[in-house]
Amino acid sequence: ATGKLQRIGLAAKLGLGYGMSGIEKLTALVGPAFAKEMFFTARRFTSAEALAMGLVNRVVPTEALANSVMELAGTIAGNAPLTVNSTKFIINESVKANAERDLAKCDAMVAACFASEDYVEGRRAFLEKRPPQFKGR
């Protein structure tokens, strides 16, 4: 995110225009007030400000960053891959204009989750009170 934020600042400092697509994405993320402040002031924001704006999910001390990233990645990796992949796709589709969304693929991905071995394993593991062993099928 830092590289993109620095480019936002460059636009105002160099007299560059910033296209609708980029501004629309940023405004959807942080809201119009923060988007205006970012573009109008071209200043760098602190990690606390980025957290308050919704640009980042969390802020951790530098020395805890590697462990925090590995813990988050491990948590994601321990979940059902078909569910994670379908949710990622559907969230990305949800921010598109209605006419551009591939709703049939969204529905197919959800159906594939329910028809998967991982769904059976997840329910079984829950009932047996043990961690699931997902295989992505």
Protein backbone atom coordinates (compact mmCIF):
# COMPACT_ATOMS: atom_id res chain seq x y z
CA ALA A 1 0.00 0.00 0.00
CA THR A 2 2.87 2.37 0.65
CA GLY A 3 3.85 2.63 -3.01
CA LYS A 4 0.31 3.48 -4.06
CA LEU A 5 -0.04 6.03 -1.27
CA GLN A 6 3.16 7.73 -2.36
CA ARG A 7 1.87 7.92 -5.93
CA ILE A 8 -1.30 9.62 -4.69
CA GLY A 9 0.91 12.27 -3.15
CA LEU A 10 2.91 12.60 -6.34
CA ALA A 11 -0.22 13.37 -8.34
CA ALA A 12 -0.89 16.54 -6.35
CA LYS A 13 2.78 17.53 -6.12
CA LEU A 14 3.44 17.09 -9.85
CA GLY A 15 0.15 18.34 -11.26
CA LEU A 16 -0.90 14.92 -12.54
CA GLY A 17 -4.48 13.87 -13.04
CA TYR A 18 -5.76 10.75 -11.35
CA GLY A 19 -8.34 8.70 -13.24
CA MET A 20 -11.84 7.74 -12.18
CA SER A 21 -11.02 4.07 -11.62
CA GLY A 22 -8.31 4.70 -9.04
CA ILE A 23 -10.20 7.46 -7.27
CA GLU A 24 -13.36 5.36 -7.20
CA LYS A 25 -11.51 2.41 -5.62
CA LEU A 26 -9.87 4.58 -2.98
CA THR A 27 -13.11 6.42 -2.18
CA ALA A 28 -14.95 3.10 -1.79
CA LEU A 29 -12.26 1.99 0.65
CA VAL A 30 -11.76 5.09 2.81
CA GLY A 31 -14.77 7.29 2.03
CA PRO A 32 -14.88 10.64 0.25
CA ALA A 33 -13.55 12.76 3.14
CA PHE A 34 -10.34 10.74 3.58
CA ALA A 35 -9.91 10.36 -0.20
CA LYS A 36 -10.11 14.14 -0.60
CA GLU A 37 -7.66 14.70 2.23
CA MET A 38 -5.22 12.23 0.70
CA PHE A 39 -5.38 13.79 -2.77
CA PHE A 40 -5.61 17.43 -1.67
CA THR A 41 -2.81 17.39 0.92
CA ALA A 42 -0.46 14.83 -0.68
CA ARG A 43 0.94 14.14 2.78
CA ARG A 44 2.10 10.85 4.25
CA PHE A 45 -0.20 9.29 6.81
CA THR A 46 0.83 7.47 9.96
CA SER A 47 0.06 3.82 10.54
CA ALA A 48 -2.57 4.85 13.11
CA GLU A 49 -4.25 7.10 10.53
CA ALA A 50 -4.13 4.32 7.93
CA LEU A 51 -5.78 2.00 10.44
CA ALA A 52 -8.50 4.56 11.22
CA MET A 53 -9.16 5.04 7.49
CA GLY A 54 -9.45 1.33 6.81
CA LEU A 55 -6.37 1.20 4.59
CA VAL A 56 -4.87 -1.53 6.76
CA ASN A 57 -6.51 -4.19 8.92
CA ARG A 58 -4.08 -3.94 11.82
CA VAL A 59 -0.85 -2.29 12.90
CA VAL A 60 1.88 -4.24 14.66
CA PRO A 61 5.32 -3.20 15.91
CA THR A 62 8.09 -3.73 13.37
CA GLU A 63 9.71 -6.45 15.46
CA ALA A 64 6.42 -8.41 15.55
CA LEU A 65 5.66 -8.07 11.83
CA ALA A 66 7.18 -11.35 10.60
CA ASN A 67 5.50 -13.41 13.32
CA SER A 68 2.19 -11.63 12.79
CA VAL A 69 2.29 -12.29 9.05
CA MET A 70 3.20 -15.95 9.55
CA GLU A 71 0.41 -16.41 12.12
CA LEU A 72 -2.17 -14.85 9.81
CA ALA A 73 -0.95 -16.88 6.83
CA GLY A 74 -1.07 -20.05 8.92
CA THR A 75 -4.62 -19.32 10.01
CA ILE A 76 -5.72 -18.80 6.41
CA ALA A 77 -3.82 -21.89 5.24
CA GLY A 78 -5.56 -23.98 7.90
CA ASN A 79 -8.99 -23.18 6.52
CA ALA A 80 -10.77 -24.93 3.67
CA PRO A 81 -9.03 -23.88 0.42
CA LEU A 82 -12.18 -24.08 -1.70
CA THR A 83 -13.99 -21.81 0.75
CA VAL A 84 -11.13 -19.31 0.94
CA ASN A 85 -10.78 -19.22 -2.87
CA SER A 86 -14.50 -18.88 -3.51
CA THR A 87 -14.85 -16.15 -0.90
CA LYS A 88 -11.89 -14.25 -2.38
CA PHE A 89 -13.44 -14.46 -5.85
CA ILE A 90 -16.92 -13.46 -4.65
CA ILE A 91 -15.63 -10.49 -2.64
CA ASN A 92 -13.74 -9.29 -5.71
CA GLU A 93 -16.88 -9.69 -7.80
CA SER A 94 -18.98 -7.83 -5.21
CA VAL A 95 -17.06 -4.60 -5.74
CA LYS A 96 -17.65 -4.67 -9.50
CA ALA A 97 -20.59 -3.04 -11.21
CA ASN A 98 -23.60 -5.39 -11.27
CA ALA A 99 -23.37 -5.86 -15.04
CA GLU A 100 -19.72 -7.00 -14.76
CA ARG A 101 -20.24 -9.62 -12.05
CA ASP A 102 -19.99 -13.30 -12.91
CA LEU A 103 -22.82 -14.49 -10.68
CA ALA A 104 -22.95 -17.91 -12.33
CA LYS A 105 -19.32 -18.54 -11.39
CA CYS A 106 -20.01 -17.29 -7.84
CA ASP A 107 -22.90 -19.73 -7.51
CA ALA A 108 -20.85 -22.56 -9.01
CA MET A 109 -18.00 -21.96 -6.57
CA VAL A 110 -20.37 -22.01 -3.58
CA ALA A 111 -21.99 -25.21 -4.87
CA ALA A 112 -18.54 -26.76 -5.29
CA CYS A 113 -17.80 -26.05 -1.62
CA PHE A 114 -20.96 -27.84 -0.49
CA ALA A 115 -20.22 -30.79 -2.82
CA SER A 116 -16.61 -31.12 -1.68
CA GLU A 117 -14.82 -33.68 0.44
CA ASP A 118 -13.63 -30.74 2.53
CA TYR A 119 -17.22 -29.91 3.51
CA VAL A 120 -17.69 -33.48 4.75
CA GLU A 121 -14.34 -33.31 6.57
CA GLY A 122 -15.15 -29.95 8.13
CA ARG A 123 -18.46 -31.15 9.54
CA ARG A 124 -16.92 -34.41 10.74
CA ALA A 125 -14.01 -32.61 12.42
CA PHE A 126 -16.39 -30.18 14.10
CA LEU A 127 -18.50 -33.01 15.53
CA GLU A 128 -15.39 -34.89 16.62
CA LYS A 129 -13.92 -31.70 18.16
CA ARG A 130 -10.66 -31.94 16.22
CA PRO A 131 -8.90 -29.74 13.67
CA PRO A 132 -10.00 -30.50 10.10
CA GLN A 133 -7.59 -31.88 7.53
CA PHE A 134 -8.63 -30.10 4.33
CA LYS A 135 -7.39 -31.29 0.95
CA GLY A 136 -8.91 -28.74 -1.41
CA ARG A 137 -11.31 -31.16 -3.05
